[in-house]
Amino acid sequence: MKDKITESEFQELIRRRSNGDISFPQFLEELSQRGINEYEIEVATGQATYKGVHSEFKTDSQVSLVISDKFNENKVLKAIANISLPFIEFLKEIAEAGIVTYRVYIPEKNVKYIGIRKEIIEEQLKV
């Protein structure tokens, strides 16, 4: 499958999601329809890397957070359960719990949260 998204279309999609014009499930669906099948968020900066078969798009850094050197699984699970938090607040909570990055696998609707010492928590998205 060939990716069906240009840089400007990608930026418009990100803008619409950031403004709340589309829901998270709609966002994932639109990414999937355009050939983007996963993305990764660097928690310390909030920078996202979206990957398709033939393309890769990066967003700008949004924050500067310190990742805790102590992994706290209960804190991670609590933050995941409260996913309705604004994005930056969510990043703060998982940074405090020792999460370095997380990857969203769009077709599988699966997320892997990766901790400071490579700990992994997997979540099946409910979208």
Protein backbone atom coordinates (compact mmCIF):
# COMPACT_ATOMS: atom_id res chain seq x y z
CA MET A 1 0.00 0.00 0.00
CA LYS A 2 1.25 3.43 -0.89
CA ASP A 3 0.93 6.22 1.65
CA LYS A 4 -1.75 8.71 0.65
CA ILE A 5 -0.82 11.78 2.64
CA THR A 6 1.24 14.88 1.96
CA GLU A 7 3.04 16.98 4.55
CA SER A 8 0.36 19.69 4.35
CA GLU A 9 -2.46 17.13 4.73
CA PHE A 10 -0.65 15.63 7.68
CA GLN A 11 -0.24 19.05 9.35
CA GLU A 12 -3.93 19.80 8.78
CA LEU A 13 -4.91 16.49 10.39
CA ILE A 14 -2.70 17.23 13.42
CA ARG A 15 -4.22 20.74 13.67
CA ARG A 16 -7.78 19.34 13.57
CA ARG A 17 -6.95 16.83 16.33
CA SER A 18 -5.19 19.47 18.47
CA ASN A 19 -8.16 21.81 18.17
CA GLY A 20 -10.59 19.08 19.16
CA ASP A 21 -12.29 19.17 15.74
CA ILE A 22 -11.99 15.38 15.49
CA SER A 23 -12.03 12.72 18.19
CA PHE A 24 -9.16 10.36 18.92
CA PRO A 25 -10.94 7.43 17.16
CA GLN A 26 -11.57 9.66 14.10
CA PHE A 27 -7.92 10.74 14.17
CA LEU A 28 -6.73 7.12 14.15
CA GLU A 29 -9.15 6.24 11.35
CA GLU A 30 -7.98 9.14 9.18
CA LEU A 31 -4.32 8.25 9.76
CA SER A 32 -5.03 4.63 8.86
CA GLN A 33 -6.93 5.60 5.70
CA ARG A 34 -3.91 7.64 4.61
CA GLY A 35 -1.40 4.84 5.12
CA ILE A 36 0.01 5.86 8.51
CA ASN A 37 0.15 2.69 10.59
CA GLU A 38 2.00 3.70 13.75
CA TYR A 39 3.35 6.60 15.73
CA GLU A 40 5.70 7.09 18.63
CA ILE A 41 5.66 9.82 21.26
CA GLU A 42 8.85 10.88 23.05
CA VAL A 43 7.46 11.72 26.47
CA ALA A 44 10.19 14.20 27.52
CA THR A 45 9.50 16.46 24.53
CA GLY A 46 6.04 15.47 23.32
CA GLN A 47 7.49 15.07 19.83
CA ALA A 48 5.63 12.53 17.72
CA THR A 49 6.95 10.50 14.80
CA TYR A 50 4.25 9.14 12.48
CA LYS A 51 5.25 6.29 10.19
CA GLY A 52 3.75 4.88 7.04
CA VAL A 53 5.07 2.41 4.52
CA HIS A 54 6.74 5.14 2.45
CA SER A 55 6.75 8.20 4.67
CA GLU A 56 7.60 9.57 8.08
CA PHE A 57 6.37 12.80 9.64
CA LYS A 58 7.58 14.45 12.86
CA THR A 59 5.83 17.04 14.95
CA ASP A 60 7.57 19.80 16.86
CA SER A 61 8.55 19.37 20.50
CA GLN A 62 5.84 20.65 22.82
CA VAL A 63 7.29 20.34 26.32
CA SER A 64 10.49 19.76 28.25
CA LEU A 65 9.82 17.14 30.92
CA VAL A 66 12.11 15.16 33.18
CA ILE A 67 11.51 11.41 33.15
CA SER A 68 11.52 9.83 36.59
CA ASP A 69 14.31 7.32 37.09
CA LYS A 70 11.86 5.16 39.06
CA PHE A 71 9.33 3.16 37.07
CA ASN A 72 5.92 3.10 38.77
CA GLU A 73 3.52 0.71 37.08
CA ASN A 74 0.54 1.76 39.23
CA LYS A 75 1.05 5.41 38.26
CA VAL A 76 1.24 4.45 34.57
CA LEU A 77 -1.96 2.40 34.80
CA LYS A 78 -3.73 5.26 36.62
CA ALA A 79 -2.70 7.75 33.91
CA ILE A 80 -3.81 5.35 31.16
CA ALA A 81 -7.17 4.92 32.91
CA ASN A 82 -7.52 8.73 32.93
CA ILE A 83 -6.75 9.07 29.21
CA SER A 84 -9.22 11.96 28.91
CA LEU A 85 -6.54 14.22 30.39
CA PRO A 86 -5.21 16.90 28.06
CA PHE A 87 -2.19 15.59 26.14
CA ILE A 88 0.44 17.63 28.02
CA GLU A 89 -1.02 16.61 31.41
CA PHE A 90 -0.99 12.97 30.31
CA LEU A 91 2.67 13.30 29.32
CA LYS A 92 3.51 14.83 32.72
CA GLU A 93 1.84 11.96 34.55
CA ILE A 94 3.55 9.20 32.58
CA ALA A 95 6.91 11.03 32.78
CA GLU A 96 6.55 11.03 36.57
CA ALA A 97 5.88 7.28 36.35
CA GLY A 98 9.12 6.61 34.43
CA ILE A 99 7.74 6.22 30.88
CA VAL A 100 10.21 7.32 28.20
CA THR A 101 8.18 6.69 25.06
CA TYR A 102 5.04 5.06 23.82
CA ARG A 103 4.09 3.57 20.48
CA VAL A 104 0.60 3.37 19.01
CA TYR A 105 0.04 0.60 16.47
CA ILE A 106 -3.00 1.87 14.58
CA PRO A 107 -4.29 -1.22 12.71
CA GLU A 108 -3.96 -3.35 15.87
CA LYS A 109 -5.31 -0.54 18.11
CA ASN A 110 -2.52 -1.37 20.55
CA VAL A 111 -0.19 0.83 22.61
CA LYS A 112 3.16 -0.07 24.17
CA TYR A 113 4.41 2.20 26.95
CA ILE A 114 8.16 1.81 27.44
CA GLY A 115 9.79 2.62 30.76
CA ILE A 116 13.14 3.98 31.81
CA ARG A 117 14.64 0.49 32.04
CA LYS A 118 12.78 -0.94 29.04
CA GLU A 119 9.76 -2.03 31.12
CA ILE A 120 6.72 -2.49 28.88
CA ILE A 121 3.06 -2.00 29.58
CA GLU A 122 0.68 -2.90 26.75
CA GLU A 123 -2.80 -1.54 26.34
CA GLN A 124 -5.53 -2.41 23.90
CA LEU A 125 -7.23 0.84 22.83
CA LYS A 126 -10.95 1.05 23.41
CA VAL A 127 -11.91 3.03 20.30
